Structures are given as structure tokens and as C-alpha cells.
């Protein structure tokens, strides 16, 4: 079987995650099932969702894949002056913009995570903010086995996935009201 192109497996992951979004009934189920759907196909080594806490940290909410256990053990500060606040997730959270490391060994924003084993066997990584009502509420982390696999089209697709997660969160909030 021929290897799928980036856009093919990215669209497959987006489609699987979107189907999951339609069927979930809680935030926690949404987070876990979307991560499972993303990692269920080719290309993604791991996916995780970090949510903002009142103490200025991002807390692991759900994840799937090879590096999932190590990602779950990490705590990320969103406070700019603190150590570790320059990693992909913190920068994406503070700026409400996607941060991409298309070669993790060469990028200082992920080198610490790579050295701690959280991104072992990962060639590329991205942190995409989860934005609701113009405020960042969390970050969707993606780890890919192949370096140089996050071209503009791939980043646009994972940003759409994050927007769909935001939409589902809005839906839950409206249902609760």
C-alpha cells in the first residue's frame, strides 16, 4: 500500500475528529475522543489537549499516542517570565496563534520536552490554541513522527480541527445554560 500524502491523512484525521465532535456529550469525552481520532490514522505520533487553569498553568486534559504518558506528566506555565514558558504550548496560549516546530531537535521551544522524553521519536510538533469568545482556553498539541511534515496546508487543517473543538465547547456551554 502506498504511503498517504500529508493532505490525505490530515483530511482523514480532520474527518474522523469532526465525526467524533458530533457524537460527544461532555468536554472530557470530547477531548479524549478527538485525540484518539487524530492519532488513529497515519502521520500523528501523539495528540494532547491542555486546558488553562486559574493558577496560570496548562493542565493535561486528554491525549493519545506514543508520547501521551510523558505529555500527561508535564505542567506548562503560561507566565512569560517563568522557566518553560517559552515552549510551544505556552507561546501558542499567550499569543492565541499556532506555533509550529517542523524539526523538533532544531527548535529551542521544544528541545526541553524532547530531552525529557515527552517528544521522543517525534520529528515535528505543533501547538494550536483553542479559542472561545476571543480568549484562549487551552492548547491542542500535535506530534508527528516525520520532520518537515507540517506544511501550510497541514497547519491550516489542524487549525480547523481546533476551531471545531472550540465550536463543540460553545455547544456544550449553550446546552448547560
C-alpha atoms as a PDB file:
ATOM      1  CA  UNK A   1       0.000   0.000   0.000  1.00  0.00           C
ATOM      2  CA  UNK A   2       1.369   3.420  -0.951  1.00  0.00           C
ATOM      3  CA  UNK A   3       2.087   5.942   1.777  1.00  0.00           C
ATOM      4  CA  UNK A   4      -0.584   8.638   2.045  1.00  0.00           C
ATOM      5  CA  UNK A   5       0.312  12.239   1.306  1.00  0.00           C
ATOM      6  CA  UNK A   6       0.186  14.783   4.128  1.00  0.00           C
ATOM      7  CA  UNK A   7      -3.072  16.249   2.907  1.00  0.00           C
ATOM      8  CA  UNK A   8      -4.715  12.831   2.576  1.00  0.00           C
ATOM      9  CA  UNK A   9      -4.029  11.713   6.151  1.00  0.00           C
ATOM     10  CA  UNK A  10      -4.657  15.196   7.509  1.00  0.00           C
ATOM     11  CA  UNK A  11      -8.102  15.281   5.880  1.00  0.00           C
ATOM     12  CA  UNK A  12      -8.775  11.777   7.197  1.00  0.00           C
ATOM     13  CA  UNK A  13      -7.835  12.877  10.729  1.00  0.00           C
ATOM     14  CA  UNK A  14      -9.968  16.021  10.430  1.00  0.00           C
ATOM     15  CA  UNK A  15     -12.929  13.996   9.208  1.00  0.00           C
ATOM     16  CA  UNK A  16     -12.597  11.406  11.984  1.00  0.00           C
ATOM     17  CA  UNK A  17     -12.313  14.117  14.620  1.00  0.00           C
ATOM     18  CA  UNK A  18     -15.297  16.007  13.229  1.00  0.00           C
ATOM     19  CA  UNK A  19     -17.443  12.870  13.366  1.00  0.00           C
ATOM     20  CA  UNK A  20     -16.335  12.421  16.961  1.00  0.00           C
ATOM     21  CA  UNK A  21     -17.266  16.010  17.804  1.00  0.00           C
ATOM     22  CA  UNK A  22     -20.797  15.428  16.563  1.00  0.00           C
ATOM     23  CA  UNK A  23     -21.269  12.458  18.881  1.00  0.00           C
ATOM     24  CA  UNK A  24     -19.759  13.601  22.184  1.00  0.00           C
ATOM     25  CA  UNK A  25     -21.804  14.709  25.162  1.00  0.00           C
ATOM     26  CA  UNK A  26     -19.182  16.123  27.564  1.00  0.00           C
ATOM     27  CA  UNK A  27     -15.974  18.137  27.477  1.00  0.00           C
ATOM     28  CA  UNK A  28     -13.823  15.298  28.798  1.00  0.00           C
ATOM     29  CA  UNK A  29     -15.271  12.831  26.297  1.00  0.00           C
ATOM     30  CA  UNK A  30     -14.716  15.388  23.522  1.00  0.00           C
ATOM     31  CA  UNK A  31     -11.066  15.901  24.462  1.00  0.00           C
ATOM     32  CA  UNK A  32     -10.265  12.205  24.684  1.00  0.00           C
ATOM     33  CA  UNK A  33     -12.168  11.070  21.607  1.00  0.00           C
ATOM     34  CA  UNK A  34     -10.745  13.837  19.407  1.00  0.00           C
ATOM     35  CA  UNK A  35      -7.198  12.921  20.474  1.00  0.00           C
ATOM     36  CA  UNK A  36      -7.939   9.248  19.805  1.00  0.00           C
ATOM     37  CA  UNK A  37      -9.358  10.083  16.365  1.00  0.00           C
ATOM     38  CA  UNK A  38      -6.342  12.185  15.412  1.00  0.00           C
ATOM     39  CA  UNK A  39      -3.844   9.511  16.408  1.00  0.00           C
ATOM     40  CA  UNK A  40      -5.941   6.680  14.964  1.00  0.00           C
ATOM     41  CA  UNK A  41      -4.695   7.300  11.414  1.00  0.00           C
ATOM     42  CA  UNK A  42      -1.307   7.716   9.787  1.00  0.00           C
ATOM     43  CA  UNK A  43       1.028  10.595  10.477  1.00  0.00           C
ATOM     44  CA  UNK A  44       0.340  11.640  14.052  1.00  0.00           C
ATOM     45  CA  UNK A  45       2.505  10.133  16.797  1.00  0.00           C
ATOM     46  CA  UNK A  46       0.550  11.836  19.593  1.00  0.00           C
ATOM     47  CA  UNK A  47      -2.118  14.419  20.295  1.00  0.00           C
ATOM     48  CA  UNK A  48      -2.986  16.083  23.579  1.00  0.00           C
ATOM     49  CA  UNK A  49      -5.248  18.808  24.859  1.00  0.00           C
ATOM     50  CA  UNK A  50      -4.080  21.129  27.612  1.00  0.00           C
ATOM     51  CA  UNK A  51      -6.595  23.382  29.346  1.00  0.00           C
ATOM     52  CA  UNK A  52      -5.934  26.646  31.163  1.00  0.00           C
ATOM     53  CA  UNK A  53      -6.093  26.618  34.935  1.00  0.00           C
ATOM     54  CA  UNK A  54      -6.616  29.616  37.201  1.00  0.00           C
ATOM     55  CA  UNK A  55      -3.041  29.262  38.538  1.00  0.00           C
ATOM     56  CA  UNK A  56      -1.531  30.272  35.179  1.00  0.00           C
ATOM     57  CA  UNK A  57      -0.694  26.762  34.070  1.00  0.00           C
ATOM     58  CA  UNK A  58      -1.871  24.490  31.320  1.00  0.00           C
ATOM     59  CA  UNK A  59      -3.155  21.166  32.641  1.00  0.00           C
ATOM     60  CA  UNK A  60      -3.211  17.975  30.621  1.00  0.00           C
ATOM     61  CA  UNK A  61      -6.856  17.099  29.926  1.00  0.00           C
ATOM     62  CA  UNK A  62      -6.572  14.220  27.455  1.00  0.00           C
ATOM     63  CA  UNK A  63      -4.275  12.643  24.934  1.00  0.00           C
ATOM     64  CA  UNK A  64      -3.411   9.675  22.793  1.00  0.00           C
ATOM     65  CA  UNK A  65      -0.376   8.203  21.110  1.00  0.00           C
ATOM     66  CA  UNK A  66       3.209   7.196  21.787  1.00  0.00           C
ATOM     67  CA  UNK A  67       4.303  10.268  23.792  1.00  0.00           C
ATOM     68  CA  UNK A  68       0.983  10.622  25.579  1.00  0.00           C
ATOM     69  CA  UNK A  69       2.123   9.422  29.004  1.00  0.00           C
ATOM     70  CA  UNK A  70       5.094  11.810  29.092  1.00  0.00           C
ATOM     71  CA  UNK A  71       2.936  14.714  27.868  1.00  0.00           C
ATOM     72  CA  UNK A  72       0.434  13.998  30.623  1.00  0.00           C
ATOM     73  CA  UNK A  73       3.097  14.382  33.296  1.00  0.00           C
ATOM     74  CA  UNK A  74       4.167  17.851  32.166  1.00  0.00           C
ATOM     75  CA  UNK A  75       2.873  21.107  33.602  1.00  0.00           C
ATOM     76  CA  UNK A  76       3.285  24.211  31.462  1.00  0.00           C
ATOM     77  CA  UNK A  77       3.325  27.723  32.848  1.00  0.00           C
ATOM     78  CA  UNK A  78       1.739  30.416  30.709  1.00  0.00           C
ATOM     79  CA  UNK A  79       3.540  33.218  32.563  1.00  0.00           C
ATOM     80  CA  UNK A  80       6.121  34.699  30.167  1.00  0.00           C
ATOM     81  CA  UNK A  81       8.947  35.251  32.723  1.00  0.00           C
ATOM     82  CA  UNK A  82       8.830  31.696  34.104  1.00  0.00           C
ATOM     83  CA  UNK A  83      11.092  28.879  33.059  1.00  0.00           C
ATOM     84  CA  UNK A  84       9.404  26.694  30.478  1.00  0.00           C
ATOM     85  CA  UNK A  85       7.022  29.430  29.388  1.00  0.00           C
ATOM     86  CA  UNK A  86       8.728  29.655  26.018  1.00  0.00           C
ATOM     87  CA  UNK A  87       7.680  26.179  24.879  1.00  0.00           C
ATOM     88  CA  UNK A  88       5.245  25.733  22.003  1.00  0.00           C
ATOM     89  CA  UNK A  89       2.156  25.324  24.164  1.00  0.00           C
ATOM     90  CA  UNK A  90       2.828  28.395  26.314  1.00  0.00           C
ATOM     91  CA  UNK A  91       3.646  30.609  23.335  1.00  0.00           C
ATOM     92  CA  UNK A  92       0.550  29.415  21.453  1.00  0.00           C
ATOM     93  CA  UNK A  93      -1.590  30.044  24.524  1.00  0.00           C
ATOM     94  CA  UNK A  94      -0.275  33.560  25.211  1.00  0.00           C
ATOM     95  CA  UNK A  95      -0.352  34.668  21.560  1.00  0.00           C
ATOM     96  CA  UNK A  96      -3.543  32.804  20.552  1.00  0.00           C
ATOM     97  CA  UNK A  97      -1.607  31.773  17.446  1.00  0.00           C
ATOM     98  CA  UNK A  98      -0.349  28.419  16.272  1.00  0.00           C
ATOM     99  CA  UNK A  99       3.283  27.563  16.982  1.00  0.00           C
ATOM    100  CA  UNK A 100       4.990  25.029  14.749  1.00  0.00           C
ATOM    101  CA  UNK A 101       8.299  23.217  15.124  1.00  0.00           C
ATOM    102  CA  UNK A 102       8.780  21.367  11.866  1.00  0.00           C
ATOM    103  CA  UNK A 103      12.056  19.928  13.146  1.00  0.00           C
ATOM    104  CA  UNK A 104      11.881  19.393  16.921  1.00  0.00           C
ATOM    105  CA  UNK A 105      15.579  18.723  17.503  1.00  0.00           C
ATOM    106  CA  UNK A 106      16.443  22.110  15.993  1.00  0.00           C
ATOM    107  CA  UNK A 107      13.846  24.191  17.829  1.00  0.00           C
ATOM    108  CA  UNK A 108      14.573  25.587  21.293  1.00  0.00           C
ATOM    109  CA  UNK A 109      10.839  25.839  22.072  1.00  0.00           C
ATOM    110  CA  UNK A 110      10.550  22.035  22.119  1.00  0.00           C
ATOM    111  CA  UNK A 111      14.105  20.925  22.881  1.00  0.00           C
ATOM    112  CA  UNK A 112      13.368  20.705  26.638  1.00  0.00           C
ATOM    113  CA  UNK A 113      10.356  18.473  26.069  1.00  0.00           C
ATOM    114  CA  UNK A 114      12.368  16.366  23.624  1.00  0.00           C
ATOM    115  CA  UNK A 115      15.155  15.924  26.172  1.00  0.00           C
ATOM    116  CA  UNK A 116      12.639  14.958  28.890  1.00  0.00           C
ATOM    117  CA  UNK A 117      11.207  12.246  26.634  1.00  0.00           C
ATOM    118  CA  UNK A 118       7.848  13.897  26.052  1.00  0.00           C
ATOM    119  CA  UNK A 119       8.512  14.162  22.341  1.00  0.00           C
ATOM    120  CA  UNK A 120      10.739  11.138  21.862  1.00  0.00           C
ATOM    121  CA  UNK A 121      10.533   9.758  18.329  1.00  0.00           C
ATOM    122  CA  UNK A 122       8.881  12.988  17.176  1.00  0.00           C
ATOM    123  CA  UNK A 123      10.081  14.860  14.112  1.00  0.00           C
ATOM    124  CA  UNK A 124       7.603  17.750  14.093  1.00  0.00           C
ATOM    125  CA  UNK A 125       5.210  19.309  16.577  1.00  0.00           C
ATOM    126  CA  UNK A 126       2.548  21.991  16.668  1.00  0.00           C
ATOM    127  CA  UNK A 127       0.598  23.745  19.387  1.00  0.00           C
ATOM    128  CA  UNK A 128      -2.708  25.232  18.256  1.00  0.00           C
ATOM    129  CA  UNK A 129      -4.720  27.467  20.586  1.00  0.00           C
ATOM    130  CA  UNK A 130      -8.279  26.604  21.493  1.00  0.00           C
ATOM    131  CA  UNK A 131     -10.040  29.968  21.431  1.00  0.00           C
ATOM    132  CA  UNK A 132     -13.531  30.746  22.715  1.00  0.00           C
ATOM    133  CA  UNK A 133     -15.073  34.210  22.770  1.00  0.00           C
ATOM    134  CA  UNK A 134     -11.729  35.674  21.674  1.00  0.00           C
ATOM    135  CA  UNK A 135      -9.916  34.182  24.694  1.00  0.00           C
ATOM    136  CA  UNK A 136      -7.557  31.255  24.666  1.00  0.00           C
ATOM    137  CA  UNK A 137      -8.866  28.459  26.918  1.00  0.00           C
ATOM    138  CA  UNK A 138      -6.375  25.753  26.044  1.00  0.00           C
ATOM    139  CA  UNK A 139      -3.963  24.298  23.534  1.00  0.00           C
ATOM    140  CA  UNK A 140      -4.161  21.329  21.201  1.00  0.00           C
ATOM    141  CA  UNK A 141      -0.745  19.667  20.844  1.00  0.00           C
ATOM    142  CA  UNK A 142       0.168  17.561  17.839  1.00  0.00           C
ATOM    143  CA  UNK A 143       3.292  15.420  17.499  1.00  0.00           C
ATOM    144  CA  UNK A 144       4.243  13.908  14.160  1.00  0.00           C
ATOM    145  CA  UNK A 145       6.831  11.215  13.544  1.00  0.00           C
ATOM    146  CA  UNK A 146       8.216  12.787  10.378  1.00  0.00           C
ATOM    147  CA  UNK A 147      10.092  16.063  10.476  1.00  0.00           C
ATOM    148  CA  UNK A 148       9.193  18.612   7.818  1.00  0.00           C
ATOM    149  CA  UNK A 149       5.638  17.273   7.657  1.00  0.00           C
ATOM    150  CA  UNK A 150       3.851  20.446   8.751  1.00  0.00           C
ATOM    151  CA  UNK A 151       3.450  22.495   5.612  1.00  0.00           C
ATOM    152  CA  UNK A 152       0.990  25.412   5.384  1.00  0.00           C
ATOM    153  CA  UNK A 153      -1.879  23.149   4.308  1.00  0.00           C
ATOM    154  CA  UNK A 154      -1.295  20.762   7.224  1.00  0.00           C
ATOM    155  CA  UNK A 155      -1.210  23.625   9.724  1.00  0.00           C
ATOM    156  CA  UNK A 156      -4.412  25.065   8.260  1.00  0.00           C
ATOM    157  CA  UNK A 157      -6.142  21.705   8.685  1.00  0.00           C
ATOM    158  CA  UNK A 158      -5.124  21.269  12.328  1.00  0.00           C
ATOM    159  CA  UNK A 159      -6.223  24.854  12.985  1.00  0.00           C
ATOM    160  CA  UNK A 160      -9.634  23.960  11.553  1.00  0.00           C
ATOM    161  CA  UNK A 161      -9.746  20.979  13.863  1.00  0.00           C
ATOM    162  CA  UNK A 162      -9.029  23.222  16.854  1.00  0.00           C
ATOM    163  CA  UNK A 163     -11.768  25.622  15.706  1.00  0.00           C
ATOM    164  CA  UNK A 164     -14.192  22.691  15.552  1.00  0.00           C
ATOM    165  CA  UNK A 165     -13.268  21.709  19.120  1.00  0.00           C
ATOM    166  CA  UNK A 166     -13.974  25.324  20.155  1.00  0.00           C
ATOM    167  CA  UNK A 167     -17.340  25.153  18.419  1.00  0.00           C
ATOM    168  CA  UNK A 168     -18.196  21.960  20.313  1.00  0.00           C
ATOM    169  CA  UNK A 169     -17.231  23.603  23.609  1.00  0.00           C
ATOM    170  CA  UNK A 170     -19.551  26.506  22.796  1.00  0.00           C
ATOM    171  CA  UNK A 171     -22.302  23.985  22.069  1.00  0.00           C
ATOM    172  CA  UNK A 172     -21.802  22.340  25.486  1.00  0.00           C
ATOM    173  CA  UNK A 173     -21.948  25.712  27.208  1.00  0.00           C
ATOM    174  CA  UNK A 174     -25.198  26.654  25.433  1.00  0.00           C
ATOM    175  CA  UNK A 175     -26.723  23.285  26.349  1.00  0.00           C
ATOM    176  CA  UNK A 176     -25.742  23.792  30.001  1.00  0.00           C
ATOM    177  CA  UNK A 177     -27.406  27.212  30.038  1.00  0.00           C
END
